[in-house]
Amino acid sequence: MALKITDECICCDVCVLECPNEAIALGEEIYEIDPQRCTECVGHYETSQCVEVCPVDCIISDPDRPEDRDTLYQRYLRLEQE
């Protein structure tokens, strides 16, 4: 699944620096994750780095975007070619 940031986000921007795919950007009120760029760090790390550093635990799996590890890895490969 791609990840998403809930409205509990405090806009500390720590997650932005950790994302290897540059999938996180400031939205109108809080940071948002571009699901077309999010691989949950598959291909880069064993765990999702944004989740690891978030001080308020506001980054969750997006239930509206179920994806398996292979799908995330294929996205990683596509992003690496860009």
N, C-alpha and C. Protein backbone atom coordinates (compact mmCIF):
# COMPACT_ATOMS: atom_id res chain seq x y z
N MET A 1 0.83 -1.18 0.00
CA MET A 1 0.00 0.00 0.00
C MET A 1 0.87 1.24 0.00
N ALA A 2 0.43 2.22 -0.68
CA ALA A 2 1.07 3.52 -0.54
C ALA A 2 0.72 4.03 0.85
N LEU A 3 1.52 4.92 1.34
CA LEU A 3 1.27 5.49 2.65
C LEU A 3 0.52 6.80 2.51
N LYS A 4 -0.08 7.25 3.62
CA LYS A 4 -0.71 8.56 3.63
C LYS A 4 -0.48 9.20 4.98
N ILE A 5 -0.56 10.51 5.00
CA ILE A 5 -0.35 11.28 6.22
C ILE A 5 -1.71 11.75 6.70
N THR A 6 -1.99 11.51 7.97
CA THR A 6 -3.28 11.90 8.54
C THR A 6 -3.24 13.36 8.98
N ASP A 7 -4.41 13.86 9.36
CA ASP A 7 -4.49 15.26 9.77
C ASP A 7 -3.87 15.52 11.14
N GLU A 8 -3.28 14.51 11.74
CA GLU A 8 -2.53 14.69 12.98
C GLU A 8 -1.13 15.24 12.72
N CYS A 9 -0.77 15.40 11.45
CA CYS A 9 0.54 15.92 11.05
C CYS A 9 0.77 17.30 11.68
N ILE A 10 1.98 17.50 12.23
CA ILE A 10 2.34 18.78 12.84
C ILE A 10 3.25 19.60 11.93
N CYS A 11 3.42 19.16 10.70
CA CYS A 11 4.22 19.88 9.69
C CYS A 11 5.66 20.13 10.14
N CYS A 12 6.25 19.14 10.75
CA CYS A 12 7.64 19.28 11.19
C CYS A 12 8.62 19.08 10.03
N ASP A 13 8.20 18.52 8.95
CA ASP A 13 8.92 18.22 7.71
C ASP A 13 10.10 17.25 7.83
N VAL A 14 10.17 16.52 8.92
CA VAL A 14 11.22 15.51 9.09
C VAL A 14 11.10 14.42 8.03
N CYS A 15 9.87 14.04 7.72
CA CYS A 15 9.63 12.96 6.76
C CYS A 15 10.10 13.31 5.35
N VAL A 16 10.01 14.57 4.99
CA VAL A 16 10.39 15.01 3.64
C VAL A 16 11.83 14.64 3.33
N LEU A 17 12.70 14.90 4.28
CA LEU A 17 14.14 14.64 4.09
C LEU A 17 14.46 13.16 4.01
N GLU A 18 13.61 12.32 4.59
CA GLU A 18 13.87 10.88 4.64
C GLU A 18 13.37 10.12 3.43
N CYS A 19 12.48 10.71 2.65
CA CYS A 19 11.86 9.99 1.53
C CYS A 19 12.82 9.88 0.35
N PRO A 20 13.24 8.67 -0.01
CA PRO A 20 14.17 8.50 -1.13
C PRO A 20 13.53 8.74 -2.49
N ASN A 21 12.20 8.77 -2.54
CA ASN A 21 11.49 8.94 -3.81
C ASN A 21 10.92 10.33 -4.01
N GLU A 22 11.20 11.22 -3.08
CA GLU A 22 10.67 12.59 -3.13
C GLU A 22 9.16 12.57 -3.31
N ALA A 23 8.49 11.69 -2.55
CA ALA A 23 7.04 11.52 -2.66
C ALA A 23 6.27 12.41 -1.69
N ILE A 24 6.96 13.11 -0.79
CA ILE A 24 6.28 13.89 0.23
C ILE A 24 6.47 15.37 -0.03
N ALA A 25 5.36 16.09 0.00
CA ALA A 25 5.39 17.54 -0.23
C ALA A 25 4.32 18.20 0.62
N LEU A 26 4.49 19.48 0.88
CA LEU A 26 3.52 20.22 1.66
C LEU A 26 2.26 20.44 0.85
N GLY A 27 1.14 20.05 1.43
CA GLY A 27 -0.16 20.27 0.81
C GLY A 27 -0.73 21.59 1.31
N GLU A 28 -2.04 21.75 1.22
CA GLU A 28 -2.67 22.99 1.66
C GLU A 28 -2.51 23.22 3.16
N GLU A 29 -2.63 22.15 3.95
CA GLU A 29 -2.54 22.30 5.40
C GLU A 29 -1.49 21.41 6.04
N ILE A 30 -1.29 20.22 5.49
CA ILE A 30 -0.33 19.27 6.04
C ILE A 30 0.48 18.68 4.91
N TYR A 31 1.49 17.90 5.27
CA TYR A 31 2.26 17.21 4.24
C TYR A 31 1.43 16.09 3.64
N GLU A 32 1.68 15.81 2.37
CA GLU A 32 0.96 14.77 1.65
C GLU A 32 1.95 13.87 0.94
N ILE A 33 1.53 12.63 0.72
CA ILE A 33 2.36 11.64 0.03
C ILE A 33 1.75 11.37 -1.34
N ASP A 34 2.56 11.52 -2.38
CA ASP A 34 2.12 11.22 -3.75
C ASP A 34 2.13 9.70 -3.91
N PRO A 35 0.96 9.08 -4.05
CA PRO A 35 0.91 7.62 -4.15
C PRO A 35 1.59 7.07 -5.40
N GLN A 36 1.79 7.90 -6.40
CA GLN A 36 2.49 7.46 -7.61
C GLN A 36 4.00 7.40 -7.43
N ARG A 37 4.49 7.98 -6.34
CA ARG A 37 5.92 7.98 -6.05
C ARG A 37 6.27 7.16 -4.80
N CYS A 38 5.26 6.86 -3.99
CA CYS A 38 5.52 6.13 -2.74
C CYS A 38 5.71 4.64 -3.00
N THR A 39 6.83 4.12 -2.51
CA THR A 39 7.09 2.68 -2.59
C THR A 39 7.22 2.07 -1.20
N GLU A 40 6.87 2.84 -0.17
CA GLU A 40 7.09 2.43 1.21
C GLU A 40 8.56 2.08 1.42
N CYS A 41 9.41 2.70 0.66
CA CYS A 41 10.86 2.53 0.69
C CYS A 41 11.34 1.17 0.18
N VAL A 42 10.42 0.40 -0.43
CA VAL A 42 10.83 -0.86 -1.06
C VAL A 42 11.87 -0.53 -2.13
N GLY A 43 12.95 -1.28 -2.12
CA GLY A 43 14.04 -1.04 -3.06
C GLY A 43 15.15 -0.18 -2.45
N HIS A 44 14.81 0.53 -1.40
CA HIS A 44 15.80 1.39 -0.73
C HIS A 44 16.13 0.89 0.68
N TYR A 45 15.09 0.61 1.46
CA TYR A 45 15.26 0.24 2.87
C TYR A 45 14.30 -0.88 3.24
N GLU A 46 14.53 -1.48 4.37
CA GLU A 46 13.66 -2.55 4.86
C GLU A 46 12.38 -2.01 5.47
N THR A 47 12.41 -0.77 5.95
CA THR A 47 11.24 -0.16 6.57
C THR A 47 10.98 1.21 5.94
N SER A 48 9.76 1.68 6.08
CA SER A 48 9.39 2.99 5.57
C SER A 48 10.03 4.07 6.44
N GLN A 49 10.94 4.81 5.86
CA GLN A 49 11.72 5.77 6.62
C GLN A 49 10.89 6.91 7.19
N CYS A 50 9.88 7.36 6.46
CA CYS A 50 9.04 8.44 6.98
C CYS A 50 8.31 8.00 8.25
N VAL A 51 7.86 6.76 8.26
CA VAL A 51 7.17 6.23 9.44
C VAL A 51 8.14 6.16 10.61
N GLU A 52 9.36 5.76 10.34
CA GLU A 52 10.37 5.62 11.39
C GLU A 52 10.67 6.94 12.08
N VAL A 53 10.68 8.05 11.33
CA VAL A 53 11.10 9.33 11.92
C VAL A 53 9.94 10.21 12.37
N CYS A 54 8.72 9.88 12.02
CA CYS A 54 7.57 10.72 12.36
C CYS A 54 7.38 10.79 13.89
N PRO A 55 7.44 11.99 14.46
CA PRO A 55 7.33 12.11 15.92
C PRO A 55 5.90 11.94 16.45
N VAL A 56 4.89 12.01 15.58
CA VAL A 56 3.50 11.89 16.05
C VAL A 56 2.77 10.69 15.47
N ASP A 57 3.48 9.82 14.80
CA ASP A 57 2.88 8.60 14.23
C ASP A 57 1.64 8.87 13.40
N CYS A 58 1.76 9.82 12.47
CA CYS A 58 0.61 10.18 11.64
C CYS A 58 0.70 9.63 10.22
N ILE A 59 1.65 8.74 9.96
CA ILE A 59 1.79 8.15 8.63
C ILE A 59 1.32 6.71 8.69
N ILE A 60 0.30 6.42 7.87
CA ILE A 60 -0.34 5.10 7.91
C ILE A 60 -0.44 4.52 6.51
N SER A 61 -0.72 3.24 6.43
CA SER A 61 -1.01 2.61 5.14
C SER A 61 -2.34 3.16 4.65
N ASP A 62 -2.39 3.49 3.38
CA ASP A 62 -3.62 4.04 2.80
C ASP A 62 -4.55 2.90 2.44
N PRO A 63 -5.66 2.75 3.17
CA PRO A 63 -6.56 1.63 2.89
C PRO A 63 -7.25 1.73 1.52
N ASP A 64 -7.22 2.91 0.91
CA ASP A 64 -7.82 3.08 -0.41
C ASP A 64 -6.87 2.68 -1.53
N ARG A 65 -5.64 2.33 -1.19
CA ARG A 65 -4.63 1.98 -2.20
C ARG A 65 -3.89 0.69 -1.82
N PRO A 66 -4.60 -0.43 -1.80
CA PRO A 66 -3.91 -1.68 -1.46
C PRO A 66 -2.93 -2.08 -2.57
N GLU A 67 -1.70 -2.30 -2.20
CA GLU A 67 -0.66 -2.70 -3.16
C GLU A 67 0.25 -3.73 -2.49
N ASP A 68 0.67 -4.71 -3.27
CA ASP A 68 1.58 -5.69 -2.70
C ASP A 68 3.03 -5.26 -2.91
N ARG A 69 3.92 -5.99 -2.30
CA ARG A 69 5.34 -5.64 -2.34
C ARG A 69 5.88 -5.63 -3.78
N ASP A 70 5.40 -6.55 -4.62
CA ASP A 70 5.86 -6.58 -6.01
C ASP A 70 5.46 -5.32 -6.76
N THR A 71 4.25 -4.84 -6.54
CA THR A 71 3.80 -3.60 -7.16
C THR A 71 4.67 -2.43 -6.73
N LEU A 72 4.97 -2.38 -5.43
CA LEU A 72 5.82 -1.31 -4.91
C LEU A 72 7.23 -1.40 -5.51
N TYR A 73 7.73 -2.63 -5.67
CA TYR A 73 9.07 -2.80 -6.25
C TYR A 73 9.08 -2.38 -7.72
N GLN A 74 8.03 -2.70 -8.45
CA GLN A 74 7.97 -2.29 -9.85
C GLN A 74 7.93 -0.76 -9.96
N ARG A 75 7.24 -0.11 -9.04
CA ARG A 75 7.22 1.35 -9.02
C ARG A 75 8.62 1.89 -8.71
N TYR A 76 9.31 1.27 -7.78
CA TYR A 76 10.68 1.64 -7.45
C TYR A 76 11.55 1.57 -8.72
N LEU A 77 11.45 0.47 -9.47
CA LEU A 77 12.25 0.33 -10.69
C LEU A 77 11.92 1.42 -11.70
N ARG A 78 10.64 1.74 -11.86
CA ARG A 78 10.23 2.81 -12.79
C ARG A 78 10.80 4.15 -12.35
N LEU A 79 10.72 4.44 -11.08
CA LEU A 79 11.24 5.71 -10.56
C LEU A 79 12.75 5.81 -10.73
N GLU A 80 13.44 4.70 -10.58
CA GLU A 80 14.90 4.70 -10.74
C GLU A 80 15.31 5.02 -12.17
N GLN A 81 14.46 4.71 -13.13
CA GLN A 81 14.77 4.99 -14.54
C GLN A 81 14.52 6.43 -14.92
N GLU A 82 13.73 7.14 -14.12
CA GLU A 82 13.41 8.55 -14.44
C GLU A 82 14.60 9.45 -14.22
